[in-house]
Amino acid sequence: MERAMARFAKQRHAPAGDDSRDKKSGTVVRVTKDEVFVELGPRMQGIIALAHFETPPSEGQVFDFVLHGMKDDLWVLSRRDAQVLVSPSDIEVGKLVKAKVVGFNTGGLELKVGNVNAFMPASQVDLHHVEDLASFGGQTLLCKVLEFENKGKRSRVTLSRRAVLAAERDVALKESVATLQPGQVVTGKVTRLEPFGAFVEIAPGVEGLLHVSNLSRQRVEDPSKVLSVGQSIQAQITEIQKGGKRIGLSMKALEANPWDEVAARYAEGTVVKGKVTRVAEFGAFLEVEKGIEGLVHISQLSSERVNRINDAVKVGQEFPVRVVSVDAERERLSLSRLDETGHLIGSEDAVDAAEIGQVLKKTQEAPRGMSLGSLFKKALEKK
């Protein structure tokens, strides 16, 4: 894998027109009307257009070739020592050609394929946007023919260097992904940030998505507050789909799971202090410690009827709560707010405390001769 990655990195960062790609000797094994099949080694075959040869080669002849990625399980080849396609009759859509940059304009590059004029739109020059097209002046580029209209001296040829680079990238991607698997811990560099997460390059040309929900066990709303472009991070691969074009990553998976010991720390009935992190129609979520949130249902927020959550609590507010139940496996913690007497809202203790409070209030209004004990007795008789 290291060899493949190093090779791809060299190709990716090489100056435009650089022919320092893989070179290999091969033996001609079959010649057809338009193509030549080449044996490059054990279980390694390639194909090259017949137009790359001045005269049709014979089976058994050995030539030096340049490898340009795979197509239909065959390496696409070109000749190191031959000019590729020099006349309109040789040009064909989908074939590779060498073209020299002879000019440029705001729309793209002007090129020559042999003695044939060609054009490359700016969007087809590289895998990414190119600001300075003039930097390609005078260079010879390996390109793919996208469009061709043969009108003799007025032939129109549209080329793409991007297609060639993409094919090379896909080869490197295939080789790199073959060594990756879910559960593996990798080191990567953050390449860009989005509201939904971060893209991380874990190998040359191989990116994974670190979704915002997998950044940390603590709730993260904005990825840019915990990561920056260029930052090196470690993450675990959670999934590999579409041949490596979709790779899921998680930093959260590398953190210790605080829920493993929640049941021991938060037994039923434990009173803790919580901070409101978010509210919903059915209740409020409170953080009782880093990475641990519990839900106070709307019915447990106040001894009075609550119609709107925001009327009862606000985000950032702190208050004591009692643990009602713990489900560590499902990572759920049920909480209840305590009333002003410290009792669980809705409990018998809270009801009794409320009634006692009413009794005490009535002592100030009780008729002369009626004792506090008589009032308590009267209150209990109503139950």
Protein backbone atom coordinates (compact mmCIF):
# COMPACT_ATOMS: atom_id res chain seq x y z
CA MET A 1 0.00 0.00 0.00
CA GLU A 2 2.83 2.40 0.87
CA ARG A 3 4.30 1.90 -2.60
CA ALA A 4 0.95 2.59 -4.25
CA MET A 5 0.31 5.66 -2.10
CA ALA A 6 3.77 7.04 -2.79
CA ARG A 7 3.32 6.50 -6.51
CA PHE A 8 -0.05 8.22 -6.55
CA ALA A 9 1.23 11.13 -4.49
CA LYS A 10 4.05 11.58 -6.98
CA GLN A 11 1.58 11.57 -9.88
CA ARG A 12 -0.78 13.91 -8.13
CA HIS A 13 1.79 16.56 -7.31
CA ALA A 14 3.93 16.19 -10.41
CA PRO A 15 3.94 19.23 -12.74
CA ALA A 16 1.40 19.13 -15.56
CA GLY A 17 2.80 17.19 -18.51
CA ASP A 18 5.21 15.22 -16.34
CA ASP A 19 5.63 11.70 -17.76
CA SER A 20 7.03 10.24 -14.54
CA ARG A 21 4.23 7.65 -14.30
CA ASP A 22 4.78 3.90 -14.06
CA LYS A 23 6.85 2.53 -16.92
CA LYS A 24 6.96 -1.17 -17.71
CA SER A 25 8.16 -3.51 -20.44
CA GLY A 26 5.58 -5.74 -22.05
CA THR A 27 5.23 -8.43 -24.70
CA VAL A 28 2.72 -8.19 -27.54
CA VAL A 29 0.38 -11.19 -27.35
CA ARG A 30 -2.36 -10.20 -29.80
CA VAL A 31 -2.93 -7.61 -32.53
CA THR A 32 -6.39 -6.60 -33.81
CA LYS A 33 -7.55 -4.05 -36.35
CA ASP A 34 -7.42 -1.16 -33.83
CA GLU A 35 -5.76 -2.44 -30.67
CA VAL A 36 -2.76 -4.34 -29.33
CA PHE A 37 -2.93 -6.60 -26.28
CA VAL A 38 0.18 -6.74 -24.09
CA GLU A 39 1.38 -9.14 -21.38
CA LEU A 40 3.00 -7.02 -18.63
CA GLY A 41 3.59 -9.75 -16.06
CA PRO A 42 1.80 -12.49 -14.13
CA ARG A 43 -1.94 -11.72 -14.20
CA MET A 44 -1.21 -8.24 -15.54
CA GLN A 45 -2.38 -7.38 -19.06
CA GLY A 46 -2.70 -4.12 -20.91
CA ILE A 47 -4.16 -2.65 -24.08
CA ILE A 48 -2.86 0.07 -26.40
CA ALA A 49 -4.23 1.64 -29.57
CA LEU A 50 -2.56 0.36 -32.74
CA ALA A 51 -2.07 4.00 -33.74
CA HIS A 52 0.77 4.18 -31.21
CA PHE A 53 2.91 2.06 -33.58
CA GLU A 54 4.35 3.23 -36.90
CA THR A 55 3.83 -0.30 -38.23
CA PRO A 56 1.71 -3.07 -36.70
CA PRO A 57 3.85 -5.01 -34.19
CA SER A 58 4.24 -8.78 -34.24
CA GLU A 59 3.31 -11.16 -31.45
CA GLY A 60 6.29 -11.69 -29.17
CA GLN A 61 7.81 -8.23 -29.71
CA VAL A 62 8.79 -6.38 -26.53
CA PHE A 63 8.26 -2.63 -26.03
CA ASP A 64 8.42 -0.13 -23.17
CA PHE A 65 5.04 1.26 -22.12
CA VAL A 66 3.60 3.88 -19.78
CA LEU A 67 0.67 2.81 -17.57
CA HIS A 68 -2.32 5.18 -17.31
CA GLY A 69 -4.83 3.40 -15.08
CA MET A 70 -7.17 0.46 -15.61
CA LYS A 71 -10.28 0.01 -17.72
CA ASP A 72 -12.28 -3.24 -17.86
CA ASP A 73 -9.50 -5.01 -15.89
CA LEU A 74 -6.85 -4.01 -18.47
CA TRP A 75 -4.12 -1.40 -18.06
CA VAL A 76 -4.44 1.49 -20.51
CA LEU A 77 -1.02 1.94 -22.13
CA SER A 78 0.91 4.39 -24.26
CA ARG A 79 4.34 4.20 -25.88
CA ARG A 80 7.28 5.93 -24.26
CA ASP A 81 9.07 6.41 -27.54
CA ALA A 82 6.26 7.21 -29.99
CA GLN A 83 4.16 10.23 -30.82
CA VAL A 84 0.47 9.50 -30.15
CA LEU A 85 -2.14 10.20 -32.86
CA VAL A 86 -0.90 12.86 -35.23
CA SER A 87 -3.71 13.12 -37.79
CA PRO A 88 -7.51 13.53 -37.68
CA SER A 89 -8.01 10.01 -39.01
CA ASP A 90 -6.27 8.64 -35.89
CA ILE A 91 -8.39 10.56 -33.35
CA GLU A 92 -11.33 8.79 -31.73
CA VAL A 93 -13.63 9.66 -28.83
CA GLY A 94 -12.56 7.89 -25.65
CA LYS A 95 -8.94 7.34 -26.73
CA LEU A 96 -5.87 8.81 -25.03
CA VAL A 97 -3.74 11.37 -26.85
CA LYS A 98 -0.74 13.55 -26.13
CA ALA A 99 -1.42 17.22 -26.70
CA LYS A 100 0.85 20.24 -26.45
CA VAL A 101 -0.49 23.46 -24.88
CA VAL A 102 -0.03 26.32 -27.38
CA GLY A 103 -2.26 28.95 -25.77
CA PHE A 104 -5.04 29.69 -23.34
CA ASN A 105 -8.05 31.94 -22.77
CA THR A 106 -10.59 32.47 -20.00
CA GLY A 107 -12.47 29.34 -21.11
CA GLY A 108 -9.58 26.88 -21.13
CA LEU A 109 -6.44 25.67 -22.94
CA GLU A 110 -5.63 25.66 -26.65
CA LEU A 111 -3.67 22.58 -27.71
CA LYS A 112 -2.21 20.68 -30.65
CA VAL A 113 -2.61 16.93 -31.14
CA GLY A 114 0.06 16.41 -33.77
CA ASN A 115 -1.09 18.85 -36.44
CA VAL A 116 -4.71 19.00 -35.23
CA ASN A 117 -6.07 21.90 -33.16
CA ALA A 118 -7.81 20.98 -29.91
CA PHE A 119 -9.41 22.67 -26.93
CA MET A 120 -9.65 21.77 -23.24
CA PRO A 121 -12.31 23.52 -21.10
CA ALA A 122 -10.97 24.94 -17.84
CA SER A 123 -13.14 22.48 -15.90
CA GLN A 124 -11.30 19.55 -17.57
CA VAL A 125 -7.74 20.72 -16.82
CA ASP A 126 -7.44 19.25 -13.32
CA LEU A 127 -9.41 17.50 -10.59
CA HIS A 128 -9.73 20.85 -8.86
CA HIS A 129 -10.24 24.40 -10.07
CA VAL A 130 -7.12 25.92 -11.67
CA GLU A 131 -6.61 29.63 -11.09
CA ASP A 132 -3.59 30.13 -13.39
CA LEU A 133 -4.08 28.40 -16.75
CA ALA A 134 -0.95 30.14 -18.06
CA SER A 135 1.16 27.79 -15.88
CA PHE A 136 0.41 24.99 -18.39
CA GLY A 137 1.88 26.89 -21.34
CA GLY A 138 4.23 24.79 -23.52
CA GLN A 139 3.58 21.57 -21.61
CA THR A 140 2.60 18.26 -23.20
CA LEU A 141 -0.38 16.67 -21.48
CA LEU A 142 -1.84 13.20 -21.65
CA CYS A 143 -5.55 13.66 -22.34
CA LYS A 144 -8.72 11.78 -23.17
CA VAL A 145 -10.73 12.70 -26.25
CA LEU A 146 -14.20 13.82 -25.13
CA GLU A 147 -15.59 15.06 -28.46
CA PHE A 148 -14.37 14.91 -32.03
CA GLU A 149 -15.89 16.38 -35.17
CA ASN A 150 -13.82 15.64 -38.28
CA LYS A 151 -13.96 18.56 -40.72
CA GLY A 152 -10.50 18.27 -42.18
CA LYS A 153 -8.49 21.37 -41.37
CA ARG A 154 -11.43 22.66 -39.35
CA SER A 155 -11.72 19.56 -37.15
CA ARG A 156 -12.99 20.21 -33.62
CA VAL A 157 -11.44 18.21 -30.78
CA THR A 158 -12.35 18.56 -27.10
CA LEU A 159 -9.94 17.04 -24.59
CA SER A 160 -9.88 16.25 -20.88
CA ARG A 161 -6.87 15.88 -18.62
CA ARG A 162 -9.23 15.57 -15.65
CA ALA A 163 -10.53 12.23 -16.95
CA VAL A 164 -6.99 10.81 -17.05
CA LEU A 165 -6.20 12.04 -13.54
CA ALA A 166 -9.51 10.66 -12.25
CA ALA A 167 -8.69 7.23 -13.69
CA GLU A 168 -5.29 7.29 -11.99
CA ARG A 169 -6.90 8.39 -8.74
CA ASP A 170 -9.43 5.54 -8.94
CA VAL A 171 -6.60 3.01 -9.35
CA ALA A 172 -4.82 4.38 -6.28
CA LEU A 173 -8.12 4.48 -4.40
CA LYS A 174 -8.80 0.83 -5.20
CA GLU A 175 -5.34 -0.21 -4.00
CA SER A 176 -5.60 1.86 -0.80
CA VAL A 177 -9.14 0.81 0.08
CA ALA A 178 -8.16 -2.85 -0.25
CA THR A 179 -6.11 -2.42 2.94
CA LEU A 180 -8.86 -0.62 4.90
CA GLN A 181 -11.65 -2.20 6.93
CA PRO A 182 -14.37 -1.12 9.38
CA GLY A 183 -13.07 -0.86 12.94
CA GLN A 184 -9.58 0.18 11.81
CA VAL A 185 -8.09 3.30 13.44
CA VAL A 186 -6.52 5.70 10.93
CA THR A 187 -4.75 9.05 11.04
CA GLY A 188 -5.95 11.71 8.63
CA LYS A 189 -5.97 15.41 7.84
CA VAL A 190 -9.09 17.58 7.80
CA THR A 191 -9.55 18.86 4.23
CA ARG A 192 -12.79 20.83 4.58
CA LEU A 193 -15.57 21.59 7.04
CA GLU A 194 -19.32 21.57 6.42
CA PRO A 195 -22.28 22.20 8.76
CA PHE A 196 -22.94 18.44 8.79
CA GLY A 197 -19.36 17.35 9.53
CA ALA A 198 -15.78 17.22 8.26
CA PHE A 199 -14.05 15.54 5.33
CA VAL A 200 -10.78 13.86 6.27
CA GLU A 201 -8.08 12.58 3.89
CA ILE A 202 -6.90 9.24 5.31
CA ALA A 203 -4.71 8.31 2.30
CA PRO A 204 -3.70 10.12 -0.91
CA GLY A 205 -6.95 10.61 -2.82
CA VAL A 206 -9.01 8.78 -0.17
CA GLU A 207 -11.43 10.85 1.93
CA GLY A 208 -13.82 9.87 4.68
CA LEU A 209 -16.74 11.75 6.23
CA LEU A 210 -16.67 12.50 9.93
CA HIS A 211 -20.32 13.31 10.64
CA VAL A 212 -21.08 15.91 13.30
CA SER A 213 -22.82 13.23 15.40
CA ASN A 214 -19.56 11.22 15.48
CA LEU A 215 -17.23 14.04 16.50
CA SER A 216 -17.58 13.53 20.23
CA ARG A 217 -19.75 11.95 22.92
CA GLN A 218 -20.49 15.51 23.92
CA ARG A 219 -23.10 17.23 21.75
CA VAL A 220 -21.47 19.29 18.96
CA GLU A 221 -23.55 21.78 16.97
CA ASP A 222 -20.78 23.37 14.87
CA PRO A 223 -17.82 21.24 13.61
CA SER A 224 -15.67 24.37 13.15
CA LYS A 225 -15.67 24.86 16.93
CA VAL A 226 -13.77 21.61 17.53
CA LEU A 227 -11.85 21.09 14.25
CA SER A 228 -9.89 23.19 11.76
CA VAL A 229 -8.78 22.61 8.17
CA GLY A 230 -5.32 21.04 8.07
CA GLN A 231 -5.66 19.53 11.55
CA SER A 232 -4.37 15.98 11.98
CA ILE A 233 -6.76 13.64 13.78
CA GLN A 234 -7.28 9.98 14.61
CA ALA A 235 -10.58 8.29 13.86
CA GLN A 236 -12.11 4.85 13.53
CA ILE A 237 -13.55 3.63 10.21
CA THR A 238 -17.24 2.84 10.73
CA GLU A 239 -18.20 1.84 7.17
CA ILE A 240 -16.83 1.48 3.65
CA GLN A 241 -19.30 1.71 0.76
CA LYS A 242 -19.24 2.08 -3.03
CA GLY A 243 -15.72 0.74 -3.36
CA GLY A 244 -14.27 3.29 -0.96
CA LYS A 245 -15.97 6.34 -2.45
CA ARG A 246 -18.01 6.56 0.73
CA ILE A 247 -16.14 6.01 4.01
CA GLY A 248 -17.61 6.80 7.42
CA LEU A 249 -15.37 7.90 10.29
CA SER A 250 -15.85 8.41 14.03
CA MET A 251 -13.78 10.16 16.67
CA LYS A 252 -16.48 9.44 19.24
CA ALA A 253 -15.79 5.70 18.94
CA LEU A 254 -12.27 6.26 20.32
CA GLU A 255 -13.53 7.98 23.48
CA ALA A 256 -14.35 6.05 26.64
CA ASN A 257 -18.08 5.47 26.94
CA PRO A 258 -19.27 7.22 30.12
CA TRP A 259 -22.49 5.17 30.03
CA ASP A 260 -20.54 2.05 31.00
CA GLU A 261 -20.57 3.18 34.64
CA VAL A 262 -23.73 5.29 34.69
CA ALA A 263 -25.85 2.68 36.51
CA ALA A 264 -23.35 2.55 39.35
CA ARG A 265 -23.06 6.34 39.70
CA TYR A 266 -26.69 7.25 39.22
CA ALA A 267 -28.81 4.79 41.17
CA GLU A 268 -32.56 5.36 41.20
CA GLY A 269 -33.40 8.15 43.65
CA THR A 270 -30.01 9.89 43.37
CA VAL A 271 -30.27 13.69 43.45
CA VAL A 272 -27.92 15.53 41.05
CA LYS A 273 -27.60 18.97 39.52
CA GLY A 274 -28.26 19.29 35.80
CA LYS A 275 -27.93 21.96 33.12
CA VAL A 276 -30.55 22.36 30.38
CA THR A 277 -28.90 21.75 26.99
CA ARG A 278 -31.98 21.67 24.73
CA VAL A 279 -35.74 21.55 24.92
CA ALA A 280 -38.42 19.72 22.98
CA GLU A 281 -42.21 19.64 23.03
CA PHE A 282 -42.20 16.62 25.34
CA GLY A 283 -39.59 17.81 27.84
CA ALA A 284 -36.11 19.14 28.52
CA PHE A 285 -32.68 17.49 28.20
CA LEU A 286 -30.23 18.12 31.03
CA GLU A 287 -26.51 17.37 31.09
CA VAL A 288 -25.61 15.89 34.46
CA GLU A 289 -21.94 15.33 33.53
CA LYS A 290 -19.75 15.43 30.43
CA GLY A 291 -21.33 13.19 27.78
CA ILE A 292 -24.34 12.20 29.93
CA GLU A 293 -27.75 13.73 29.26
CA GLY A 294 -31.07 12.85 30.84
CA LEU A 295 -34.66 13.73 29.99
CA VAL A 296 -37.08 15.50 32.29
CA HIS A 297 -40.53 14.81 30.88
CA ILE A 298 -42.89 17.77 30.63
CA SER A 299 -45.06 16.21 33.36
CA GLN A 300 -42.07 16.24 35.72
CA LEU A 301 -41.01 19.86 35.18
CA SER A 302 -43.43 21.63 37.49
CA SER A 303 -46.11 20.94 40.08
CA GLU A 304 -48.33 23.16 37.96
CA ARG A 305 -49.54 22.34 34.44
CA VAL A 306 -46.93 23.22 31.77
CA ASN A 307 -48.23 24.15 28.32
CA ARG A 308 -44.99 25.45 26.84
CA ILE A 309 -41.57 24.08 27.82
CA ASN A 310 -39.93 27.50 27.47
CA ASP A 311 -42.29 28.85 30.12
CA ALA A 312 -40.91 26.34 32.63
CA VAL A 313 -37.19 26.13 31.79
CA LYS A 314 -34.57 27.85 29.63
CA VAL A 315 -31.45 26.49 27.90
CA GLY A 316 -28.47 27.03 30.21
CA GLN A 317 -30.58 26.94 33.37
CA GLU A 318 -29.35 24.71 36.21
CA PHE A 319 -31.42 23.03 38.89
CA PRO A 320 -31.45 19.83 41.01
CA VAL A 321 -33.16 16.70 39.66
CA ARG A 322 -33.75 13.20 40.93
CA VAL A 323 -32.92 10.06 38.94
CA VAL A 324 -36.14 8.18 38.12
CA SER A 325 -34.65 5.35 36.02
CA VAL A 326 -31.44 4.34 34.21
CA ASP A 327 -31.10 2.32 30.98
CA ALA A 328 -27.36 2.25 30.27
CA GLU A 329 -27.73 -0.14 27.33
CA ARG A 330 -30.02 2.28 25.48
CA GLU A 331 -28.16 5.28 26.94
CA ARG A 332 -31.29 6.73 28.50
CA LEU A 333 -31.59 8.55 31.81
CA SER A 334 -35.02 9.61 33.11
CA LEU A 335 -35.07 12.54 35.51
CA SER A 336 -37.61 14.54 37.51
CA ARG A 337 -37.37 18.07 38.77
CA LEU A 338 -37.70 18.59 42.52
CA ASP A 339 -40.24 20.96 44.00
CA GLU A 340 -39.36 23.79 46.37
CA THR A 341 -39.45 21.38 49.31
CA GLY A 342 -36.97 19.03 47.66
CA HIS A 343 -39.53 16.34 46.90
CA LEU A 344 -40.15 14.59 43.59
CA ILE A 345 -42.83 16.45 41.63
CA GLY A 346 -46.01 14.40 41.54
CA SER A 347 -44.95 12.08 44.41
CA GLU A 348 -46.94 11.44 47.60
CA ASP A 349 -44.26 13.25 49.59
CA ALA A 350 -44.69 16.31 47.42
CA VAL A 351 -48.49 16.17 47.78
CA ASP A 352 -48.22 15.78 51.56
CA ALA A 353 -45.75 18.67 51.73
CA ALA A 354 -48.12 20.84 49.73
CA GLU A 355 -51.02 20.00 52.05
CA ILE A 356 -48.90 20.68 55.11
CA GLY A 357 -47.97 24.01 53.62
CA GLN A 358 -51.62 24.85 53.21
CA VAL A 359 -52.30 23.83 56.82
CA LEU A 360 -49.52 26.05 58.09
CA LYS A 361 -50.92 28.92 56.10
CA LYS A 362 -54.33 28.37 57.61
CA THR A 363 -52.99 28.54 61.18
CA GLN A 364 -52.78 32.26 60.76
CA GLU A 365 -56.45 32.33 59.78
CA ALA A 366 -57.72 29.60 62.20
CA PRO A 367 -60.48 30.48 64.69
CA ARG A 368 -59.35 31.07 68.26
CA GLY A 369 -59.21 27.84 70.22
CA MET A 370 -58.39 25.59 67.23
CA SER A 371 -54.91 23.99 67.60
CA LEU A 372 -52.39 23.10 64.89
CA GLY A 373 -52.93 19.41 65.71
CA SER A 374 -56.63 19.80 65.03
CA LEU A 375 -55.91 21.30 61.62
CA PHE A 376 -53.57 18.43 60.69
CA LYS A 377 -56.16 15.91 61.81
CA LYS A 378 -58.80 17.65 59.76
CA ALA A 379 -56.53 17.71 56.71
CA LEU A 380 -55.73 14.01 57.00
CA GLU A 381 -59.42 13.14 57.32
CA LYS A 382 -59.99 14.63 53.87
CA LYS A 383 -57.49 12.20 52.26
